[in-house]
Amino acid sequence: MQPTQIIMVTSQAAKDKIATEAMLGPGNQFRTQQCSALAVFLSDLEAGKRIQRIHELETDWGGRPPAYMAMMPLTTSYLLGEGHAATWLKQFAGSILSETKPVPQQEPIQAWCYKNTSLVAQSYVLAAESHDLKTNMMEGMDTRRLKEVLRIPDRYAIPLVIATGYDYENDTDESTLTPRLHLEELVFQDSFGMPYDDSVESFQDEDDDRVASV
């Protein structure tokens, strides 16, 4: 469904206005004003309105079987989960059906859109790095004010913005680095809490003598 769009803000006047009226904290304000471009990532919270356009693209592409094409609008509408009541009902039904067979996870539309947009944002960061550009992801902002400045329709949310530009010359200051959690606190093997051990090749059951970390 591709629920992501991006506004590339390059005008210095626009960046100054965003920094003054919408960004929180001197750090985010400074980055917004100093960057070459501010990439504003949008998530379409009414992604169901894209179904017809996506269906047209799929039809023209001709890469999907007829059965998939026939079911796509109905399936997509169900999975998008727009509306709190609809999402709750689908989650409730899914939790019951999950006892007997696998069912798709039902997420609120905002969670689903943010996840998709975050994947695009990560790709953007990696692409920028490949061109020797530096980026800084920011979410400290007043999104209502930012939407007003950039005239963004109500149907869109703003999960994050990414300041993009070049490193300052001779910038070797590492005082802003923060500590990272250790790998063993983040990566487990086969089940939650089991320390990763690359010497273990098979699935370990409840008789595993390794100690799970808490």
N, C-alpha and C. Protein backbone atom coordinates (compact mmCIF):
# COMPACT_ATOMS: atom_id res chain seq x y z
N MET A 1 0.81 -1.22 0.00
CA MET A 1 0.00 0.00 0.00
C MET A 1 0.85 1.27 0.00
N GLN A 2 2.12 1.14 0.35
CA GLN A 2 3.05 2.27 0.28
C GLN A 2 2.47 3.54 0.94
N PRO A 3 2.21 3.50 2.25
CA PRO A 3 1.54 4.62 2.92
C PRO A 3 2.46 5.77 3.30
N THR A 4 3.59 5.90 2.61
CA THR A 4 4.58 6.91 3.00
C THR A 4 4.79 7.94 1.91
N GLN A 5 4.85 9.19 2.30
CA GLN A 5 5.27 10.27 1.42
C GLN A 5 6.29 11.13 2.15
N ILE A 6 7.09 11.87 1.40
CA ILE A 6 8.18 12.64 1.99
C ILE A 6 8.17 14.06 1.43
N ILE A 7 8.30 15.02 2.30
CA ILE A 7 8.48 16.41 1.88
C ILE A 7 9.94 16.78 2.14
N MET A 8 10.66 17.15 1.08
CA MET A 8 12.04 17.58 1.22
C MET A 8 12.06 19.11 1.36
N VAL A 9 12.34 19.56 2.56
CA VAL A 9 12.35 21.00 2.83
C VAL A 9 13.78 21.52 2.64
N THR A 10 13.98 22.33 1.61
CA THR A 10 15.31 22.86 1.31
C THR A 10 15.38 24.38 1.45
N SER A 11 14.24 25.06 1.43
CA SER A 11 14.22 26.51 1.57
C SER A 11 14.69 26.90 2.97
N GLN A 12 15.65 27.82 3.05
CA GLN A 12 16.14 28.25 4.35
C GLN A 12 15.04 28.95 5.14
N ALA A 13 14.20 29.70 4.46
CA ALA A 13 13.09 30.37 5.14
C ALA A 13 12.15 29.35 5.77
N ALA A 14 11.86 28.28 5.04
CA ALA A 14 10.97 27.24 5.56
C ALA A 14 11.62 26.52 6.74
N LYS A 15 12.90 26.22 6.63
CA LYS A 15 13.60 25.54 7.73
C LYS A 15 13.64 26.42 8.97
N ASP A 16 13.87 27.70 8.79
CA ASP A 16 13.88 28.63 9.92
C ASP A 16 12.50 28.67 10.59
N LYS A 17 11.47 28.70 9.78
CA LYS A 17 10.10 28.76 10.32
C LYS A 17 9.77 27.48 11.09
N ILE A 18 10.16 26.34 10.53
CA ILE A 18 9.91 25.07 11.21
C ILE A 18 10.67 25.01 12.53
N ALA A 19 11.94 25.44 12.50
CA ALA A 19 12.76 25.41 13.71
C ALA A 19 12.15 26.28 14.81
N THR A 20 11.66 27.45 14.42
CA THR A 20 11.12 28.40 15.39
C THR A 20 9.76 27.99 15.92
N GLU A 21 8.91 27.48 15.04
CA GLU A 21 7.51 27.27 15.40
C GLU A 21 7.14 25.83 15.75
N ALA A 22 7.98 24.84 15.35
CA ALA A 22 7.54 23.46 15.54
C ALA A 22 8.55 22.55 16.25
N MET A 23 9.83 22.85 16.20
CA MET A 23 10.82 21.94 16.77
C MET A 23 11.01 22.19 18.26
N LEU A 24 11.24 21.11 18.99
CA LEU A 24 11.41 21.18 20.44
C LEU A 24 12.88 21.05 20.81
N GLY A 25 13.37 21.96 21.62
CA GLY A 25 14.74 21.87 22.10
C GLY A 25 15.73 22.55 21.18
N PRO A 26 16.77 23.16 21.74
CA PRO A 26 17.76 23.87 20.92
C PRO A 26 18.51 22.96 19.95
N GLY A 27 18.73 21.70 20.32
CA GLY A 27 19.44 20.78 19.44
C GLY A 27 18.69 20.54 18.14
N ASN A 28 17.41 20.20 18.25
CA ASN A 28 16.60 19.96 17.06
C ASN A 28 16.40 21.23 16.24
N GLN A 29 16.27 22.35 16.94
CA GLN A 29 16.12 23.62 16.23
C GLN A 29 17.39 23.94 15.43
N PHE A 30 18.54 23.73 16.05
CA PHE A 30 19.82 24.00 15.38
C PHE A 30 19.99 23.10 14.15
N ARG A 31 19.71 21.79 14.30
CA ARG A 31 19.86 20.86 13.19
C ARG A 31 18.93 21.21 12.05
N THR A 32 17.72 21.61 12.38
CA THR A 32 16.75 21.96 11.35
C THR A 32 17.22 23.16 10.53
N GLN A 33 17.77 24.15 11.21
CA GLN A 33 18.23 25.35 10.51
C GLN A 33 19.52 25.11 9.73
N GLN A 34 20.40 24.25 10.24
CA GLN A 34 21.72 24.08 9.65
C GLN A 34 21.78 23.01 8.57
N CYS A 35 20.82 22.10 8.52
CA CYS A 35 20.90 21.00 7.55
C CYS A 35 20.68 21.50 6.13
N SER A 36 21.16 20.73 5.16
CA SER A 36 20.94 21.07 3.76
C SER A 36 19.50 20.82 3.35
N ALA A 37 18.93 19.75 3.90
CA ALA A 37 17.54 19.41 3.60
C ALA A 37 16.93 18.72 4.81
N LEU A 38 15.67 19.04 5.07
CA LEU A 38 14.93 18.38 6.14
C LEU A 38 13.90 17.47 5.48
N ALA A 39 14.09 16.15 5.66
CA ALA A 39 13.15 15.18 5.09
C ALA A 39 12.03 14.93 6.09
N VAL A 40 10.82 15.34 5.74
CA VAL A 40 9.66 15.18 6.61
C VAL A 40 8.89 13.96 6.12
N PHE A 41 8.84 12.91 6.95
CA PHE A 41 8.20 11.66 6.56
C PHE A 41 6.74 11.64 7.01
N LEU A 42 5.86 11.32 6.07
CA LEU A 42 4.42 11.31 6.33
C LEU A 42 3.88 9.89 6.26
N SER A 43 2.95 9.57 7.17
CA SER A 43 2.25 8.30 7.15
C SER A 43 0.78 8.56 6.88
N ASP A 44 0.25 7.91 5.86
CA ASP A 44 -1.14 8.09 5.47
C ASP A 44 -2.04 7.24 6.38
N LEU A 45 -2.78 7.90 7.26
CA LEU A 45 -3.67 7.20 8.19
C LEU A 45 -4.99 6.80 7.54
N GLU A 46 -5.18 7.17 6.30
CA GLU A 46 -6.35 6.75 5.54
C GLU A 46 -5.86 6.01 4.29
N ALA A 47 -4.99 5.05 4.54
CA ALA A 47 -4.35 4.33 3.43
C ALA A 47 -5.37 3.58 2.58
N GLY A 48 -6.55 3.33 3.12
CA GLY A 48 -7.58 2.67 2.33
C GLY A 48 -7.94 3.43 1.08
N LYS A 49 -7.72 4.74 1.09
CA LYS A 49 -8.01 5.56 -0.09
C LYS A 49 -7.01 5.31 -1.21
N ARG A 50 -5.94 4.58 -0.92
CA ARG A 50 -4.94 4.27 -1.93
C ARG A 50 -5.24 2.97 -2.67
N ILE A 51 -6.22 2.23 -2.20
CA ILE A 51 -6.46 0.89 -2.74
C ILE A 51 -6.70 0.93 -4.24
N GLN A 52 -7.54 1.84 -4.70
CA GLN A 52 -7.85 1.90 -6.12
C GLN A 52 -6.60 2.18 -6.94
N ARG A 53 -5.78 3.11 -6.48
CA ARG A 53 -4.55 3.46 -7.21
C ARG A 53 -3.59 2.27 -7.25
N ILE A 54 -3.43 1.59 -6.10
CA ILE A 54 -2.54 0.44 -6.05
C ILE A 54 -3.09 -0.68 -6.95
N HIS A 55 -4.41 -0.84 -6.94
CA HIS A 55 -5.03 -1.86 -7.78
C HIS A 55 -4.75 -1.57 -9.26
N GLU A 56 -4.81 -0.30 -9.64
CA GLU A 56 -4.51 0.08 -11.03
C GLU A 56 -3.06 -0.25 -11.38
N LEU A 57 -2.14 0.05 -10.47
CA LEU A 57 -0.72 -0.23 -10.71
C LEU A 57 -0.48 -1.73 -10.85
N GLU A 58 -1.10 -2.51 -9.96
CA GLU A 58 -0.95 -3.95 -10.01
C GLU A 58 -1.50 -4.51 -11.32
N THR A 59 -2.64 -3.97 -11.76
CA THR A 59 -3.26 -4.44 -13.00
C THR A 59 -2.37 -4.15 -14.19
N ASP A 60 -1.84 -2.92 -14.26
CA ASP A 60 -0.96 -2.54 -15.36
C ASP A 60 0.33 -3.34 -15.37
N TRP A 61 0.80 -3.66 -14.17
CA TRP A 61 2.05 -4.40 -14.03
C TRP A 61 1.89 -5.83 -14.52
N GLY A 62 0.73 -6.41 -14.22
CA GLY A 62 0.42 -7.76 -14.69
C GLY A 62 1.22 -8.85 -14.03
N GLY A 63 1.75 -8.57 -12.83
CA GLY A 63 2.58 -9.58 -12.19
C GLY A 63 1.89 -10.40 -11.13
N ARG A 64 0.60 -10.17 -10.92
CA ARG A 64 -0.14 -10.89 -9.89
C ARG A 64 -1.19 -11.81 -10.51
N PRO A 65 -1.46 -12.96 -9.88
CA PRO A 65 -2.50 -13.85 -10.41
C PRO A 65 -3.88 -13.23 -10.25
N PRO A 66 -4.83 -13.61 -11.11
CA PRO A 66 -6.19 -13.05 -11.06
C PRO A 66 -6.85 -13.17 -9.69
N ALA A 67 -6.65 -14.29 -9.02
CA ALA A 67 -7.29 -14.49 -7.72
C ALA A 67 -6.80 -13.46 -6.70
N TYR A 68 -5.50 -13.17 -6.73
CA TYR A 68 -4.94 -12.17 -5.82
C TYR A 68 -5.54 -10.80 -6.12
N MET A 69 -5.62 -10.46 -7.40
CA MET A 69 -6.14 -9.16 -7.79
C MET A 69 -7.59 -8.99 -7.39
N ALA A 70 -8.37 -10.05 -7.48
CA ALA A 70 -9.78 -9.98 -7.13
C ALA A 70 -9.98 -9.77 -5.63
N MET A 71 -9.10 -10.38 -4.82
CA MET A 71 -9.25 -10.31 -3.37
C MET A 71 -8.52 -9.12 -2.75
N MET A 72 -7.61 -8.48 -3.48
CA MET A 72 -6.76 -7.46 -2.89
C MET A 72 -7.53 -6.32 -2.22
N PRO A 73 -8.53 -5.70 -2.86
CA PRO A 73 -9.23 -4.60 -2.18
C PRO A 73 -9.88 -5.03 -0.87
N LEU A 74 -10.53 -6.21 -0.86
CA LEU A 74 -11.19 -6.68 0.36
C LEU A 74 -10.18 -7.02 1.44
N THR A 75 -9.14 -7.76 1.05
CA THR A 75 -8.11 -8.16 2.02
C THR A 75 -7.41 -6.95 2.61
N THR A 76 -7.05 -6.00 1.78
CA THR A 76 -6.34 -4.81 2.24
C THR A 76 -7.21 -3.99 3.18
N SER A 77 -8.47 -3.83 2.85
CA SER A 77 -9.38 -3.07 3.70
C SER A 77 -9.48 -3.71 5.08
N TYR A 78 -9.51 -5.02 5.12
CA TYR A 78 -9.61 -5.72 6.41
C TYR A 78 -8.35 -5.54 7.23
N LEU A 79 -7.18 -5.70 6.59
CA LEU A 79 -5.93 -5.67 7.33
C LEU A 79 -5.52 -4.28 7.78
N LEU A 80 -6.00 -3.24 7.11
CA LEU A 80 -5.58 -1.89 7.48
C LEU A 80 -6.10 -1.49 8.85
N GLY A 81 -7.26 -1.97 9.25
CA GLY A 81 -7.75 -1.73 10.60
C GLY A 81 -8.04 -0.29 10.93
N GLU A 82 -8.57 0.48 10.01
CA GLU A 82 -8.88 1.88 10.27
C GLU A 82 -10.07 1.97 11.22
N GLY A 83 -9.93 2.82 12.24
CA GLY A 83 -11.00 2.99 13.23
C GLY A 83 -10.74 2.16 14.46
N HIS A 84 -10.90 2.75 15.65
CA HIS A 84 -10.60 2.06 16.91
C HIS A 84 -11.52 0.87 17.14
N ALA A 85 -12.82 1.07 16.90
CA ALA A 85 -13.78 -0.01 17.13
C ALA A 85 -13.52 -1.18 16.19
N ALA A 86 -13.30 -0.87 14.92
CA ALA A 86 -13.04 -1.92 13.94
C ALA A 86 -11.77 -2.69 14.29
N THR A 87 -10.75 -1.97 14.71
CA THR A 87 -9.49 -2.63 15.07
C THR A 87 -9.68 -3.56 16.25
N TRP A 88 -10.42 -3.09 17.26
CA TRP A 88 -10.65 -3.92 18.46
C TRP A 88 -11.41 -5.18 18.11
N LEU A 89 -12.44 -5.06 17.29
CA LEU A 89 -13.23 -6.23 16.91
C LEU A 89 -12.38 -7.24 16.14
N LYS A 90 -11.56 -6.75 15.24
CA LYS A 90 -10.70 -7.65 14.47
C LYS A 90 -9.64 -8.30 15.36
N GLN A 91 -9.10 -7.55 16.31
CA GLN A 91 -8.13 -8.12 17.23
C GLN A 91 -8.77 -9.19 18.10
N PHE A 92 -10.00 -8.92 18.54
CA PHE A 92 -10.71 -9.89 19.38
C PHE A 92 -10.98 -11.17 18.61
N ALA A 93 -11.48 -11.01 17.37
CA ALA A 93 -11.75 -12.18 16.55
C ALA A 93 -10.47 -12.94 16.24
N GLY A 94 -9.40 -12.20 15.97
CA GLY A 94 -8.13 -12.83 15.66
C GLY A 94 -7.57 -13.61 16.82
N SER A 95 -7.74 -13.10 18.05
CA SER A 95 -7.22 -13.80 19.22
C SER A 95 -7.92 -15.13 19.43
N ILE A 96 -9.20 -15.20 19.07
CA ILE A 96 -9.95 -16.46 19.20
C ILE A 96 -9.52 -17.44 18.11
N LEU A 97 -9.44 -16.96 16.87
CA LEU A 97 -9.07 -17.83 15.76
C LEU A 97 -7.64 -18.33 15.88
N SER A 98 -6.78 -17.52 16.51
CA SER A 98 -5.38 -17.88 16.64
C SER A 98 -5.17 -19.12 17.48
N GLU A 99 -6.17 -19.49 18.29
CA GLU A 99 -6.07 -20.69 19.09
C GLU A 99 -6.07 -21.94 18.23
N THR A 100 -6.62 -21.84 17.03
CA THR A 100 -6.76 -23.02 16.17
C THR A 100 -5.93 -22.97 14.90
N LYS A 101 -5.59 -21.74 14.43
CA LYS A 101 -4.80 -21.62 13.21
C LYS A 101 -4.12 -20.25 13.17
N PRO A 102 -3.06 -20.10 12.39
CA PRO A 102 -2.39 -18.80 12.29
C PRO A 102 -3.31 -17.77 11.63
N VAL A 103 -3.33 -16.58 12.18
CA VAL A 103 -4.12 -15.49 11.60
C VAL A 103 -3.23 -14.24 11.52
N PRO A 104 -3.52 -13.33 10.59
CA PRO A 104 -2.70 -12.11 10.49
C PRO A 104 -2.87 -11.22 11.70
N GLN A 105 -1.79 -10.57 12.08
CA GLN A 105 -1.82 -9.65 13.22
C GLN A 105 -2.62 -8.41 12.86
N GLN A 106 -3.51 -8.01 13.76
CA GLN A 106 -4.30 -6.80 13.57
C GLN A 106 -3.67 -5.66 14.35
N GLU A 107 -3.30 -4.60 13.66
CA GLU A 107 -2.68 -3.44 14.29
C GLU A 107 -3.52 -2.21 14.04
N PRO A 108 -3.49 -1.25 14.96
CA PRO A 108 -4.12 0.04 14.66
C PRO A 108 -3.46 0.63 13.42
N ILE A 109 -4.21 1.38 12.65
CA ILE A 109 -3.69 1.92 11.40
C ILE A 109 -2.43 2.76 11.62
N GLN A 110 -2.36 3.48 12.74
CA GLN A 110 -1.19 4.32 12.98
C GLN A 110 0.06 3.47 13.19
N ALA A 111 -0.08 2.37 13.95
CA ALA A 111 1.07 1.49 14.18
C ALA A 111 1.54 0.87 12.87
N TRP A 112 0.60 0.43 12.03
CA TRP A 112 0.94 -0.19 10.75
C TRP A 112 1.64 0.81 9.84
N CYS A 113 1.11 2.02 9.76
CA CYS A 113 1.69 3.05 8.90
C CYS A 113 3.07 3.48 9.40
N TYR A 114 3.19 3.67 10.71
CA TYR A 114 4.49 4.09 11.27
C TYR A 114 5.56 3.04 10.98
N LYS A 115 5.19 1.77 11.08
CA LYS A 115 6.15 0.69 10.82
C LYS A 115 6.63 0.75 9.38
N ASN A 116 5.70 0.91 8.46
CA ASN A 116 6.07 0.99 7.05
C ASN A 116 6.92 2.23 6.76
N THR A 117 6.53 3.36 7.34
CA THR A 117 7.28 4.59 7.12
C THR A 117 8.68 4.50 7.72
N SER A 118 8.81 3.84 8.85
CA SER A 118 10.13 3.69 9.48
C SER A 118 11.08 2.89 8.60
N LEU A 119 10.54 1.90 7.88
CA LEU A 119 11.39 1.12 6.97
C LEU A 119 11.90 2.01 5.83
N VAL A 120 11.02 2.87 5.32
CA VAL A 120 11.44 3.80 4.26
C VAL A 120 12.48 4.77 4.81
N ALA A 121 12.27 5.26 6.03
CA ALA A 121 13.20 6.21 6.63
C ALA A 121 14.58 5.57 6.82
N GLN A 122 14.61 4.31 7.25
CA GLN A 122 15.89 3.63 7.42
C GLN A 122 16.60 3.48 6.08
N SER A 123 15.85 3.15 5.02
CA SER A 123 16.45 3.05 3.69
C SER A 123 17.00 4.41 3.24
N TYR A 124 16.29 5.47 3.57
CA TYR A 124 16.74 6.82 3.24
C TYR A 124 18.07 7.12 3.92
N VAL A 125 18.18 6.77 5.19
CA VAL A 125 19.41 7.02 5.94
C VAL A 125 20.58 6.25 5.33
N LEU A 126 20.36 4.99 4.99
CA LEU A 126 21.42 4.17 4.40
C LEU A 126 21.83 4.72 3.03
N ALA A 127 20.84 5.15 2.24
CA ALA A 127 21.14 5.72 0.93
C ALA A 127 21.95 7.01 1.08
N ALA A 128 21.57 7.85 2.04
CA ALA A 128 22.30 9.09 2.27
C ALA A 128 23.74 8.80 2.68
N GLU A 129 23.93 7.83 3.55
CA GLU A 129 25.27 7.47 4.00
C GLU A 129 26.13 6.99 2.83
N SER A 130 25.51 6.28 1.88
CA SER A 130 26.27 5.79 0.72
C SER A 130 26.77 6.93 -0.16
N HIS A 131 26.17 8.11 0.00
CA HIS A 131 26.61 9.29 -0.76
C HIS A 131 27.38 10.27 0.14
N ASP A 132 27.92 9.75 1.25
CA ASP A 132 28.74 10.54 2.18
C ASP A 132 27.96 11.68 2.82
N LEU A 133 26.65 11.51 2.95
CA LEU A 133 25.82 12.48 3.66
C LEU A 133 25.60 12.00 5.09
N LYS A 134 25.35 12.94 5.97
CA LYS A 134 25.06 12.62 7.35
C LYS A 134 23.59 12.90 7.62
N THR A 135 23.03 12.14 8.53
CA THR A 135 21.61 12.30 8.86
C THR A 135 21.41 12.32 10.36
N ASN A 136 20.29 12.87 10.76
CA ASN A 136 19.92 12.86 12.17
C ASN A 136 18.41 12.74 12.26
N MET A 137 17.95 11.59 12.78
CA MET A 137 16.51 11.37 12.95
C MET A 137 16.01 12.16 14.16
N MET A 138 14.88 12.83 13.99
CA MET A 138 14.32 13.64 15.07
C MET A 138 12.81 13.39 15.17
N GLU A 139 12.33 13.27 16.40
CA GLU A 139 10.90 13.18 16.64
C GLU A 139 10.42 14.18 17.69
N GLY A 140 11.35 15.04 18.14
CA GLY A 140 10.99 16.06 19.11
C GLY A 140 10.43 17.29 18.42
N MET A 141 9.11 17.24 18.16
CA MET A 141 8.48 18.33 17.41
C MET A 141 7.00 18.39 17.73
N ASP A 142 6.41 19.53 17.48
CA ASP A 142 4.97 19.71 17.59
C ASP A 142 4.40 19.42 16.20
N THR A 143 3.85 18.21 16.01
CA THR A 143 3.41 17.82 14.68
C THR A 143 2.22 18.65 14.19
N ARG A 144 1.38 19.12 15.10
CA ARG A 144 0.25 19.96 14.67
C ARG A 144 0.77 21.24 14.03
N ARG A 145 1.75 21.86 14.67
CA ARG A 145 2.33 23.10 14.13
C ARG A 145 3.08 22.83 12.82
N LEU A 146 3.81 21.71 12.78
CA LEU A 146 4.56 21.38 11.57
C LEU A 146 3.62 21.16 10.39
N LYS A 147 2.50 20.52 10.64
CA LYS A 147 1.52 20.29 9.57
C LYS A 147 0.95 21.62 9.07
N GLU A 148 0.79 22.56 9.97
CA GLU A 148 0.30 23.88 9.55
C GLU A 148 1.33 24.60 8.66
N VAL A 149 2.58 24.54 9.07
CA VAL A 149 3.63 25.23 8.31
C VAL A 149 3.75 24.65 6.90
N LEU A 150 3.68 23.32 6.79
CA LEU A 150 3.88 22.65 5.51
C LEU A 150 2.57 22.32 4.79
N ARG A 151 1.45 22.75 5.35
CA ARG A 151 0.13 22.56 4.74
C ARG A 151 -0.16 21.08 4.47
N ILE A 152 0.09 20.27 5.46
CA ILE A 152 -0.11 18.82 5.34
C ILE A 152 -1.56 18.48 5.70
N PRO A 153 -2.27 17.74 4.87
CA PRO A 153 -3.66 17.37 5.17
C PRO A 153 -3.79 16.57 6.47
N ASP A 154 -4.96 16.62 7.06
CA ASP A 154 -5.20 15.97 8.35
C ASP A 154 -5.01 14.46 8.30
N ARG A 155 -5.20 13.84 7.14
CA ARG A 155 -5.13 12.38 7.05
C ARG A 155 -3.72 11.84 7.26
N TYR A 156 -2.72 12.72 7.28
CA TYR A 156 -1.35 12.28 7.43
C TYR A 156 -0.82 12.55 8.84
N ALA A 157 -0.01 11.61 9.33
CA ALA A 157 0.74 11.78 10.57
C ALA A 157 2.21 11.94 10.22
N ILE A 158 2.99 12.46 11.17
CA ILE A 158 4.43 12.69 10.94
C ILE A 158 5.20 11.91 12.01
N PRO A 159 5.65 10.70 11.70
CA PRO A 159 6.39 9.91 12.69
C PRO A 159 7.75 10.50 13.04
N LEU A 160 8.44 11.07 12.04
CA LEU A 160 9.78 11.59 12.28
C LEU A 160 10.21 12.47 11.12
N VAL A 161 11.22 13.27 11.38
CA VAL A 161 11.88 14.05 10.33
C VAL A 161 13.36 13.74 10.39
N ILE A 162 14.05 13.89 9.25
CA ILE A 162 15.47 13.55 9.22
C ILE A 162 16.26 14.72 8.63
N ALA A 163 17.09 15.32 9.48
CA ALA A 163 18.00 16.37 9.00
C ALA A 163 19.09 15.71 8.18
N THR A 164 19.38 16.29 7.00
CA THR A 164 20.32 15.68 6.08
C THR A 164 21.31 16.72 5.58
N GLY A 165 22.58 16.38 5.55
CA GLY A 165 23.58 17.32 5.07
C GLY A 165 24.98 16.73 5.16
N TYR A 166 25.97 17.60 5.20
CA TYR A 166 27.36 17.19 5.27
C TYR A 166 27.92 17.44 6.66
N ASP A 167 28.89 16.61 7.04
CA ASP A 167 29.56 16.81 8.31
C ASP A 167 30.30 18.13 8.32
N TYR A 168 30.40 18.74 9.50
CA TYR A 168 31.24 19.92 9.62
C TYR A 168 32.70 19.52 9.44
N GLU A 169 33.49 20.36 8.82
CA GLU A 169 34.90 20.04 8.61
C GLU A 169 35.62 19.96 9.95
N ASN A 170 36.49 18.94 10.05
CA ASN A 170 37.31 18.74 11.25
C ASN A 170 36.47 18.55 12.50
N ASP A 171 35.28 17.98 12.33
CA ASP A 171 34.41 17.73 13.48
C ASP A 171 34.74 16.36 14.07
N THR A 172 35.48 16.36 15.17
CA THR A 172 35.88 15.11 15.81
C THR A 172 35.33 15.00 17.22
N ASP A 173 34.40 15.85 17.58
CA ASP A 173 33.84 15.86 18.92
C ASP A 173 32.98 14.62 19.13
N GLU A 174 33.37 13.77 20.09
CA GLU A 174 32.60 12.56 20.38
C GLU A 174 31.85 12.68 21.70
N SER A 175 31.72 13.90 22.21
CA SER A 175 31.07 14.10 23.51
C SER A 175 29.57 13.79 23.46
N THR A 176 28.99 13.77 22.27
CA THR A 176 27.56 13.53 22.17
C THR A 176 27.22 12.04 22.04
N LEU A 177 28.23 11.17 21.95
CA LEU A 177 27.95 9.74 21.85
C LEU A 177 27.32 9.23 23.14
N THR A 178 26.41 8.30 23.01
CA THR A 178 25.73 7.73 24.18
C THR A 178 26.03 6.25 24.28
N PRO A 179 25.99 5.68 25.49
CA PRO A 179 26.30 4.24 25.64
C PRO A 179 25.23 3.38 24.99
N ARG A 180 25.65 2.22 24.50
CA ARG A 180 24.75 1.27 23.85
C ARG A 180 24.57 0.04 24.74
N LEU A 181 23.39 -0.55 24.72
CA LEU A 181 23.16 -1.80 25.43
C LEU A 181 24.06 -2.90 24.85
N HIS A 182 24.47 -3.82 25.71
CA HIS A 182 25.32 -4.91 25.25
C HIS A 182 24.54 -5.86 24.36
N LEU A 183 25.26 -6.54 23.45
CA LEU A 183 24.62 -7.43 22.49
C LEU A 183 23.80 -8.51 23.17
N GLU A 184 24.31 -9.04 24.27
CA GLU A 184 23.59 -10.13 24.95
C GLU A 184 22.28 -9.66 25.58
N GLU A 185 22.12 -8.35 25.73
CA GLU A 185 20.86 -7.82 26.24
C GLU A 185 19.82 -7.65 25.14
N LEU A 186 20.26 -7.74 23.90
CA LEU A 186 19.38 -7.44 22.77
C LEU A 186 19.09 -8.64 21.87
N VAL A 187 20.06 -9.56 21.78
CA VAL A 187 19.92 -10.67 20.84
C VAL A 187 19.87 -11.99 21.60
N PHE A 188 18.80 -12.76 21.37
CA PHE A 188 18.62 -14.05 22.01
C PHE A 188 18.62 -15.15 20.95
N GLN A 189 18.61 -16.39 21.41
CA GLN A 189 18.63 -17.52 20.47
C GLN A 189 17.50 -18.49 20.77
N ASP A 190 16.68 -18.73 19.77
CA ASP A 190 15.60 -19.72 19.79
C ASP A 190 14.43 -19.37 20.69
N SER A 191 14.65 -18.70 21.82
CA SER A 191 13.53 -18.27 22.67
C SER A 191 13.98 -17.06 23.48
N PHE A 192 13.00 -16.32 23.98
CA PHE A 192 13.31 -15.07 24.67
C PHE A 192 14.18 -15.33 25.90
N GLY A 193 15.22 -14.52 26.05
CA GLY A 193 16.06 -14.58 27.23
C GLY A 193 17.21 -15.55 27.14
N MET A 194 17.20 -16.43 26.12
CA MET A 194 18.29 -17.39 26.00
C MET A 194 19.49 -16.72 25.32
N PRO A 195 20.64 -16.71 25.98
CA PRO A 195 21.82 -16.05 25.39
C PRO A 195 22.16 -16.64 24.03
N TYR A 196 22.55 -15.79 23.12
CA TYR A 196 22.93 -16.27 21.80
C TYR A 196 24.26 -17.00 21.87
N ASP A 197 24.30 -18.19 21.28
CA ASP A 197 25.52 -19.00 21.26
C ASP A 197 25.65 -19.59 19.87
N ASP A 198 26.63 -19.11 19.10
CA ASP A 198 26.74 -19.57 17.71
C ASP A 198 27.26 -20.99 17.59
N SER A 199 27.63 -21.61 18.72
CA SER A 199 28.05 -23.00 18.67
C SER A 199 26.86 -23.96 18.75
N VAL A 200 25.70 -23.43 19.12
CA VAL A 200 24.48 -24.25 19.21
C VAL A 200 23.79 -24.23 17.86
N GLU A 201 23.61 -25.39 17.26
CA GLU A 201 23.08 -25.47 15.91
C GLU A 201 21.61 -25.89 15.85
N SER A 202 21.09 -26.50 16.88
CA SER A 202 19.71 -27.00 16.83
C SER A 202 18.85 -26.26 17.82
N PHE A 203 17.54 -26.35 17.62
CA PHE A 203 16.58 -25.69 18.51
C PHE A 203 16.66 -26.28 19.90
N GLN A 204 16.64 -25.42 20.91
CA GLN A 204 16.73 -25.87 22.29
C GLN A 204 15.36 -25.78 22.96
N ASP A 205 14.93 -26.87 23.60
CA ASP A 205 13.62 -26.87 24.25
C ASP A 205 13.75 -26.49 25.71
N GLU A 206 12.71 -26.81 26.48
CA GLU A 206 12.69 -26.38 27.88
C GLU A 206 13.75 -27.07 28.72
N ASP A 207 14.40 -28.11 28.19
CA ASP A 207 15.46 -28.79 28.94
C ASP A 207 16.82 -28.14 28.74
N ASP A 208 16.83 -27.05 27.97
CA ASP A 208 18.08 -26.34 27.72
C ASP A 208 18.72 -25.96 29.05
N ASP A 209 19.99 -26.27 29.21
CA ASP A 209 20.65 -25.98 30.50
C ASP A 209 21.25 -24.59 30.54
N ARG A 210 21.07 -23.83 29.44
CA ARG A 210 21.52 -22.46 29.51
C ARG A 210 20.58 -21.64 30.38
N VAL A 211 21.10 -20.62 31.02
CA VAL A 211 20.29 -19.82 31.93
C VAL A 211 19.74 -18.61 31.17
N ALA A 212 18.43 -18.45 31.23
CA ALA A 212 17.80 -17.30 30.57
C ALA A 212 18.06 -16.03 31.36
N SER A 213 18.43 -14.98 30.67
CA SER A 213 18.65 -13.70 31.33
C SER A 213 17.33 -12.97 31.48
N VAL A 214 17.24 -12.15 32.51
CA VAL A 214 15.99 -11.42 32.80
C VAL A 214 16.20 -9.95 32.43
